[in-house]
Amino acid sequence: MACGMKQLVVVIALAWVLSLQEHSSSVHGKPQVPCFFIFGDSLADNGNNNVLDTLAKVNYQPYGIDFPSGIATGRFSNGRTTVDVLCVNYACGAAGIRKETGKQLGARISMGRQLKNHKIIISRIVDILGKKRLAQNHLNKCLYSVGMGSNDYINNYFVPQHYHTSKKFTTEQYAEVLINQYSWEILKLYKYGARKVALVGLGLIGCTPSAISSFGTNGSACVDTLNIAAQLFNQRLVSLVEKLNSNLTDAKFIYINSFEMGSGDPAAAGFTVSNVGCCAVNEVGQCNVDHAPCKNRTEYVFWDGFHPTEALNRITAIRSYNAFNPVDTYPMDISHLVQLQINNPATPAT
């Protein structure tokens, strides 16, 4: 599978998913989709990076301190991520839309490589179900979550000592370049059978503790240049969602507005600390090995230099599924997306 190509584990998981009648997830009871595929970066990585030669790896304490049994699974948080349900997860820390993104940290699996891994899994589904048509019908009903782009800024564009993209492109041009490539990759996912797709927008990348300590805020609460860049990307991502829905009428794409969800007053959600992480971090913004984190973790927005705590992840997951504000998702939330009945033409699952 992604990052580690843990195919045996994935095949077993798929067989389980295909045979389950009920499971427990963020929404208890009968499953609303037969499977859930996740493409993304460290915000969704569930341990895929553990086998890679990379600095972007967190299979050590204090990560996972609030995960069941306190196990450091490789999730970039103190506990669960936003997408922690029964799923097939290709997400990798440091991954980006662009192939070179995150290379200064070591090995990683870009969006393009994650799609190649997904194609391998599709062939396993065909083997399990016996026919391509049955596999296609199954894949058409699944939910797909894709969250990419953050690393293309924080581990590419805004680290000019390692990359030349900021010299080659303005922020407007770079957003356009990213979305153009992203569009091609999303269309490939559609070709592979995806018909219910949630595209997760960039959050406030200029408000992370790492961004604040690295760039300074010049009197603002956050690093404005990073947040403006994220907004330029998000604006084009919304336009892409509209274009996809207009052109591909046998599918539905939605936008998850992470930026807006993170823009409110943290205190209103019970958080008291939003400008520093819960743990002391190393040179790449990850918790120091075996370092004791803060005890009041539910009061912190950030776990380390970049990643949210489980407390914030829970809120984001809830608002993505059932939009709290109309602007949380567009044109609908995940709860309505999974309930859609989409009539799909018969196409091969290849």
Protein backbone atom coordinates (compact mmCIF):
# COMPACT_ATOMS: atom_id res chain seq x y z
CA MET A 1 0.00 0.00 0.00
CA ALA A 2 1.05 3.64 0.06
CA CYS A 3 4.53 4.32 1.40
CA GLY A 4 5.15 0.77 2.53
CA MET A 5 3.16 -1.11 -0.14
CA LYS A 6 1.70 -3.24 2.65
CA GLN A 7 -0.40 -5.17 0.14
CA LEU A 8 -1.12 -8.23 2.25
CA VAL A 9 -2.55 -6.10 5.03
CA VAL A 10 -4.60 -4.12 2.52
CA VAL A 11 -6.00 -7.22 0.84
CA ILE A 12 -7.04 -8.62 4.22
CA ALA A 13 -8.61 -5.28 5.13
CA LEU A 14 -10.46 -5.14 1.81
CA ALA A 15 -11.84 -8.62 2.25
CA TRP A 16 -13.03 -7.56 5.69
CA VAL A 17 -14.61 -4.37 4.39
CA LEU A 18 -16.35 -6.21 1.58
CA SER A 19 -17.87 -8.71 4.00
CA LEU A 20 -18.79 -6.41 6.88
CA GLN A 21 -22.41 -5.51 7.48
CA GLU A 22 -21.74 -2.99 10.22
CA HIS A 23 -18.75 -1.25 11.73
CA SER A 24 -17.98 1.45 14.24
CA SER A 25 -16.62 4.75 12.98
CA SER A 26 -17.15 8.44 13.56
CA VAL A 27 -20.79 7.69 12.77
CA HIS A 28 -21.97 4.56 14.58
CA GLY A 29 -24.27 1.98 13.06
CA LYS A 30 -24.73 0.61 9.59
CA PRO A 31 -22.05 1.81 7.14
CA GLN A 32 -23.23 4.37 4.61
CA VAL A 33 -20.56 3.45 2.05
CA PRO A 34 -18.96 0.05 1.41
CA CYS A 35 -15.42 1.44 1.49
CA PHE A 36 -13.46 4.60 2.19
CA PHE A 37 -10.25 5.47 0.33
CA ILE A 38 -7.95 8.21 1.62
CA PHE A 39 -5.28 10.09 -0.32
CA GLY A 40 -3.27 12.75 1.45
CA ASP A 41 -0.35 13.85 3.56
CA SER A 42 0.60 13.80 7.24
CA LEU A 43 -2.80 15.15 8.30
CA ALA A 44 -4.21 11.73 7.36
CA ASP A 45 -1.18 9.41 7.47
CA ASN A 46 -1.96 6.46 9.77
CA GLY A 47 1.57 5.07 9.86
CA ASN A 48 2.38 4.49 6.20
CA ASN A 49 5.65 6.41 6.61
CA ASN A 50 6.96 4.05 9.29
CA VAL A 51 8.87 1.91 6.80
CA LEU A 52 10.34 4.81 4.81
CA ASP A 53 13.78 6.35 5.16
CA THR A 54 12.49 9.79 6.04
CA LEU A 55 12.57 12.39 8.78
CA ALA A 56 8.79 12.69 8.39
CA LYS A 57 8.14 9.66 10.59
CA VAL A 58 6.54 9.63 14.04
CA ASN A 59 6.38 6.03 15.23
CA TYR A 60 7.69 6.98 18.65
CA GLN A 61 6.44 8.44 21.90
CA PRO A 62 4.89 10.84 22.72
CA TYR A 63 2.93 10.42 19.45
CA GLY A 64 -0.14 8.26 20.03
CA ILE A 65 -0.25 8.97 23.74
CA ASP A 66 -4.06 9.29 23.55
CA PHE A 67 -4.52 6.54 20.98
CA PRO A 68 -5.98 3.27 22.35
CA SER A 69 -3.31 1.62 24.53
CA GLY A 70 -1.09 4.68 24.01
CA ILE A 71 0.54 3.16 20.93
CA ALA A 72 2.69 5.30 18.65
CA THR A 73 1.18 4.11 15.36
CA GLY A 74 2.82 6.70 13.13
CA ARG A 75 -0.10 9.12 13.15
CA PHE A 76 1.05 12.73 13.32
CA SER A 77 -1.04 13.49 16.39
CA ASN A 78 -1.52 12.56 20.02
CA GLY A 79 -4.47 10.37 19.00
CA ARG A 80 -6.79 9.92 16.06
CA THR A 81 -6.70 11.87 12.82
CA THR A 82 -9.71 13.42 11.10
CA VAL A 83 -10.15 10.43 8.80
CA ASP A 84 -9.61 7.66 11.35
CA VAL A 85 -12.31 5.20 10.40
CA LEU A 86 -12.21 1.79 8.74
CA CYS A 87 -10.61 2.57 5.42
CA VAL A 88 -7.84 2.00 2.93
CA ASN A 89 -5.37 4.78 3.61
CA TYR A 90 -2.66 5.79 1.14
CA ALA A 91 -1.74 9.07 2.87
CA CYS A 92 1.91 9.84 3.55
CA GLY A 93 3.64 12.50 5.62
CA ALA A 94 5.54 15.06 3.48
CA ALA A 95 3.62 14.02 0.34
CA GLY A 96 2.49 16.63 -2.13
CA ILE A 97 0.86 17.19 -5.48
CA ARG A 98 4.27 17.79 -7.01
CA LYS A 99 6.62 14.84 -7.19
CA GLU A 100 9.61 16.66 -5.68
CA THR A 101 7.73 18.08 -2.69
CA GLY A 102 9.19 16.99 0.65
CA LYS A 103 12.38 15.54 -0.84
CA GLN A 104 14.56 17.30 1.75
CA LEU A 105 12.95 15.12 4.43
CA GLY A 106 13.60 11.83 2.65
CA ALA A 107 11.39 9.22 1.02
CA ARG A 108 7.71 10.04 0.48
CA ILE A 109 4.86 9.03 -1.82
CA SER A 110 3.40 11.82 -3.94
CA MET A 111 -0.22 11.99 -5.07
CA GLY A 112 0.77 10.41 -8.37
CA ARG A 113 2.39 7.46 -6.63
CA GLN A 114 -0.58 7.06 -4.31
CA LEU A 115 -2.79 6.73 -7.37
CA LYS A 116 -0.51 4.00 -8.72
CA ASN A 117 -0.85 2.17 -5.40
CA HIS A 118 -4.62 2.55 -5.62
CA LYS A 119 -4.63 0.93 -9.04
CA ILE A 120 -2.90 -2.10 -7.52
CA ILE A 121 -5.60 -2.30 -4.85
CA ILE A 122 -8.30 -2.08 -7.52
CA SER A 123 -6.84 -5.18 -9.15
CA ARG A 124 -7.10 -6.93 -5.77
CA ILE A 125 -10.76 -5.92 -5.51
CA VAL A 126 -11.38 -7.35 -8.98
CA ASP A 127 -9.75 -10.60 -7.82
CA ILE A 128 -11.93 -10.71 -4.69
CA LEU A 129 -15.20 -9.99 -6.50
CA GLY A 130 -14.37 -11.98 -9.61
CA LYS A 131 -15.52 -9.51 -12.28
CA LYS A 132 -14.49 -6.01 -13.34
CA ARG A 133 -18.13 -4.92 -13.57
CA LEU A 134 -18.77 -5.96 -9.96
CA ALA A 135 -15.61 -4.16 -8.87
CA GLN A 136 -16.67 -1.02 -10.74
CA ASN A 137 -20.11 -1.04 -9.14
CA HIS A 138 -18.47 -1.45 -5.74
CA LEU A 139 -15.95 1.36 -6.28
CA ASN A 140 -18.68 3.71 -7.56
CA LYS A 141 -20.37 3.53 -4.15
CA CYS A 142 -17.25 4.22 -2.10
CA LEU A 143 -16.25 7.49 -0.48
CA TYR A 144 -12.96 9.07 -1.47
CA SER A 145 -11.16 11.72 0.56
CA VAL A 146 -8.29 13.63 -1.04
CA GLY A 147 -6.31 16.19 0.94
CA MET A 148 -3.17 17.47 -0.77
CA GLY A 149 -1.34 20.75 -1.22
CA SER A 150 -0.09 21.83 2.20
CA ASN A 151 3.35 20.31 1.69
CA ASP A 152 3.61 21.88 -1.74
CA TYR A 153 3.86 25.14 0.17
CA ILE A 154 5.49 24.39 3.53
CA ASN A 155 7.85 21.73 2.12
CA ASN A 156 8.43 23.28 -1.29
CA TYR A 157 7.44 26.83 -2.23
CA PHE A 158 8.32 28.46 1.11
CA VAL A 159 11.65 26.68 1.60
CA PRO A 160 13.72 28.35 -1.16
CA GLN A 161 16.93 26.84 0.20
CA HIS A 162 15.71 23.50 -1.18
CA TYR A 163 13.39 24.45 -4.07
CA HIS A 164 13.25 27.00 -6.88
CA THR A 165 9.48 27.18 -7.28
CA SER A 166 9.19 30.53 -5.47
CA LYS A 167 11.72 32.01 -7.92
CA LYS A 168 9.96 30.50 -10.92
CA PHE A 169 6.34 31.27 -10.01
CA THR A 170 4.38 33.99 -8.26
CA THR A 171 1.95 32.68 -5.63
CA GLU A 172 -0.90 33.11 -8.14
CA GLN A 173 0.98 31.21 -10.83
CA TYR A 174 2.01 28.47 -8.43
CA ALA A 175 -1.58 27.93 -7.28
CA GLU A 176 -2.60 27.59 -10.92
CA VAL A 177 0.21 25.11 -11.62
CA LEU A 178 -0.76 23.00 -8.61
CA ILE A 179 -4.46 22.94 -9.47
CA ASN A 180 -3.75 22.04 -13.08
CA GLN A 181 -1.74 19.00 -12.00
CA TYR A 182 -4.23 18.19 -9.24
CA SER A 183 -7.08 18.28 -11.76
CA TRP A 184 -5.35 15.69 -13.90
CA GLU A 185 -4.80 13.46 -10.87
CA ILE A 186 -8.43 13.76 -9.71
CA LEU A 187 -9.60 12.86 -13.22
CA LYS A 188 -7.44 9.75 -13.04
CA LEU A 189 -9.11 8.85 -9.73
CA TYR A 190 -12.46 9.27 -11.48
CA LYS A 191 -11.25 6.97 -14.26
CA TYR A 192 -10.46 4.39 -11.58
CA GLY A 193 -14.08 4.43 -10.40
CA ALA A 194 -14.36 7.27 -7.87
CA ARG A 195 -17.82 8.86 -7.96
CA LYS A 196 -18.16 10.38 -4.48
CA VAL A 197 -15.12 12.54 -3.75
CA ALA A 198 -14.37 14.99 -0.95
CA LEU A 199 -11.55 17.40 -1.80
CA VAL A 200 -10.06 18.88 1.36
CA GLY A 201 -8.88 22.47 1.09
CA LEU A 202 -5.78 23.87 2.73
CA GLY A 203 -6.01 25.04 6.31
CA LEU A 204 -4.37 28.07 7.88
CA ILE A 205 -0.82 26.98 7.13
CA GLY A 206 0.43 30.35 8.33
CA CYS A 207 -0.94 29.79 11.83
CA THR A 208 1.01 26.65 12.70
CA PRO A 209 3.56 27.00 15.51
CA SER A 210 6.32 26.09 13.04
CA ALA A 211 5.29 28.81 10.60
CA ILE A 212 5.09 31.42 13.34
CA SER A 213 8.52 30.52 14.76
CA SER A 214 10.18 30.24 11.34
CA PHE A 215 8.80 33.31 9.58
CA GLY A 216 7.54 35.62 12.31
CA THR A 217 4.20 37.35 12.07
CA ASN A 218 5.18 41.02 11.68
CA GLY A 219 2.53 42.02 14.19
CA SER A 220 -0.21 39.72 12.89
CA ALA A 221 -1.55 36.67 14.68
CA CYS A 222 -0.26 34.42 11.88
CA VAL A 223 2.06 34.46 8.87
CA ASP A 224 -0.13 36.28 6.38
CA THR A 225 1.89 35.41 3.27
CA LEU A 226 1.37 31.67 3.85
CA ASN A 227 -2.34 32.03 4.53
CA ILE A 228 -2.83 34.19 1.44
CA ALA A 229 -1.11 31.54 -0.64
CA ALA A 230 -3.41 28.89 0.84
CA GLN A 231 -6.45 31.00 -0.03
CA LEU A 232 -5.29 31.34 -3.65
CA PHE A 233 -5.07 27.56 -3.86
CA ASN A 234 -8.46 27.06 -2.19
CA GLN A 235 -10.21 29.51 -4.50
CA ARG A 236 -9.02 27.52 -7.49
CA LEU A 237 -9.94 24.26 -5.78
CA VAL A 238 -13.53 25.46 -5.39
CA SER A 239 -13.56 26.33 -9.09
CA LEU A 240 -12.23 22.86 -9.86
CA VAL A 241 -15.05 21.29 -7.84
CA GLU A 242 -17.58 23.30 -9.81
CA LYS A 243 -15.97 22.32 -13.11
CA LEU A 244 -15.85 18.63 -12.21
CA ASN A 245 -19.50 18.60 -11.15
CA SER A 246 -20.49 20.35 -14.36
CA ASN A 247 -18.52 18.05 -16.66
CA LEU A 248 -18.87 14.73 -14.83
CA THR A 249 -22.57 14.41 -14.17
CA ASP A 250 -22.30 10.79 -13.06
CA ALA A 251 -20.18 11.81 -10.06
CA LYS A 252 -20.24 14.34 -7.23
CA PHE A 253 -17.31 16.28 -5.84
CA ILE A 254 -17.39 18.40 -2.70
CA TYR A 255 -15.03 20.91 -1.11
CA ILE A 256 -14.10 20.71 2.58
CA ASN A 257 -13.35 24.23 3.79
CA SER A 258 -10.58 23.57 6.31
CA PHE A 259 -9.49 27.21 6.15
CA GLU A 260 -12.87 28.49 7.32
CA MET A 261 -13.20 25.83 10.01
CA GLY A 262 -9.90 26.98 11.49
CA SER A 263 -10.67 30.70 11.28
CA GLY A 264 -12.95 31.03 14.29
CA ASP A 265 -12.07 31.83 17.88
CA PRO A 266 -10.32 28.76 19.34
CA ALA A 267 -11.61 29.67 22.80
CA ALA A 268 -15.17 29.13 21.60
CA ALA A 269 -14.30 25.47 21.06
CA GLY A 270 -12.62 25.15 24.43
CA PHE A 271 -9.01 25.68 23.34
CA THR A 272 -6.74 27.90 25.41
CA VAL A 273 -3.45 27.51 23.50
CA SER A 274 -3.24 27.97 19.73
CA ASN A 275 0.20 29.42 18.95
CA VAL A 276 2.46 26.66 20.29
CA GLY A 277 2.31 22.89 20.18
CA CYS A 278 1.70 20.51 23.06
CA CYS A 279 5.18 18.96 22.76
CA ALA A 280 8.71 20.30 22.42
CA VAL A 281 9.80 19.85 18.80
CA ASN A 282 12.94 19.00 16.86
CA GLU A 283 14.42 20.72 13.81
CA VAL A 284 11.65 19.47 11.48
CA GLY A 285 8.77 20.46 13.76
CA GLN A 286 8.02 17.00 15.17
CA CYS A 287 7.93 16.05 18.84
CA ASN A 288 11.22 15.16 20.46
CA VAL A 289 11.56 11.42 21.02
CA ASP A 290 10.20 10.26 24.41
CA HIS A 291 9.66 13.84 25.52
CA ALA A 292 6.74 14.31 27.90
CA PRO A 293 4.02 16.41 26.22
CA CYS A 294 1.61 18.80 27.91
CA LYS A 295 -0.99 17.22 30.15
CA ASN A 296 -3.95 19.39 29.14
CA ARG A 297 -3.93 18.22 25.53
CA THR A 298 -7.62 18.89 24.93
CA GLU A 299 -6.89 22.60 25.41
CA TYR A 300 -4.28 22.73 22.63
CA VAL A 301 -5.03 23.33 18.96
CA PHE A 302 -1.67 21.92 17.85
CA TRP A 303 0.08 18.76 18.90
CA ASP A 304 3.51 19.54 17.40
CA GLY A 305 4.82 22.22 15.06
CA PHE A 306 2.38 21.43 12.26
CA HIS A 307 -0.32 18.94 13.19
CA PRO A 308 -3.59 19.32 15.12
CA THR A 309 -4.40 17.53 18.33
CA GLU A 310 -6.99 14.79 18.39
CA ALA A 311 -9.37 17.31 19.99
CA LEU A 312 -9.26 19.55 16.92
CA ASN A 313 -9.32 16.59 14.54
CA ARG A 314 -12.61 15.47 16.10
CA ILE A 315 -14.18 18.88 15.54
CA THR A 316 -12.99 19.01 11.93
CA ALA A 317 -14.33 15.52 11.25
CA ILE A 318 -17.73 16.35 12.74
CA ARG A 319 -18.04 19.58 10.76
CA SER A 320 -16.95 17.87 7.55
CA TYR A 321 -19.61 15.22 7.98
CA ASN A 322 -22.38 17.53 9.22
CA ALA A 323 -21.58 21.12 8.29
CA PHE A 324 -21.91 23.43 11.29
CA ASN A 325 -21.86 26.53 9.08
CA PRO A 326 -23.01 26.71 5.44
CA VAL A 327 -19.45 27.59 4.38
CA ASP A 328 -17.90 24.51 6.02
CA THR A 329 -18.45 22.44 2.88
CA TYR A 330 -19.53 23.04 -0.72
CA PRO A 331 -21.92 22.22 -2.34
CA MET A 332 -22.86 19.75 0.41
CA ASP A 333 -21.35 17.97 3.38
CA ILE A 334 -20.18 14.37 3.56
CA SER A 335 -23.40 13.14 5.18
CA HIS A 336 -25.34 14.21 2.09
CA LEU A 337 -22.63 13.05 -0.31
CA VAL A 338 -22.71 9.45 0.94
CA GLN A 339 -26.51 9.37 0.66
CA LEU A 340 -26.55 10.41 -2.99
CA GLN A 341 -27.83 7.88 -5.48
CA ILE A 342 -25.66 8.30 -8.55
CA ASN A 343 -26.46 6.54 -11.81
CA ASN A 344 -23.19 5.48 -13.35
CA PRO A 345 -22.48 4.15 -16.81
CA ALA A 346 -20.83 0.75 -16.88
CA THR A 347 -17.08 1.33 -17.27
CA PRO A 348 -14.18 -1.02 -16.56
CA ALA A 349 -12.40 -0.77 -13.20
CA THR A 350 -8.92 -0.31 -14.64
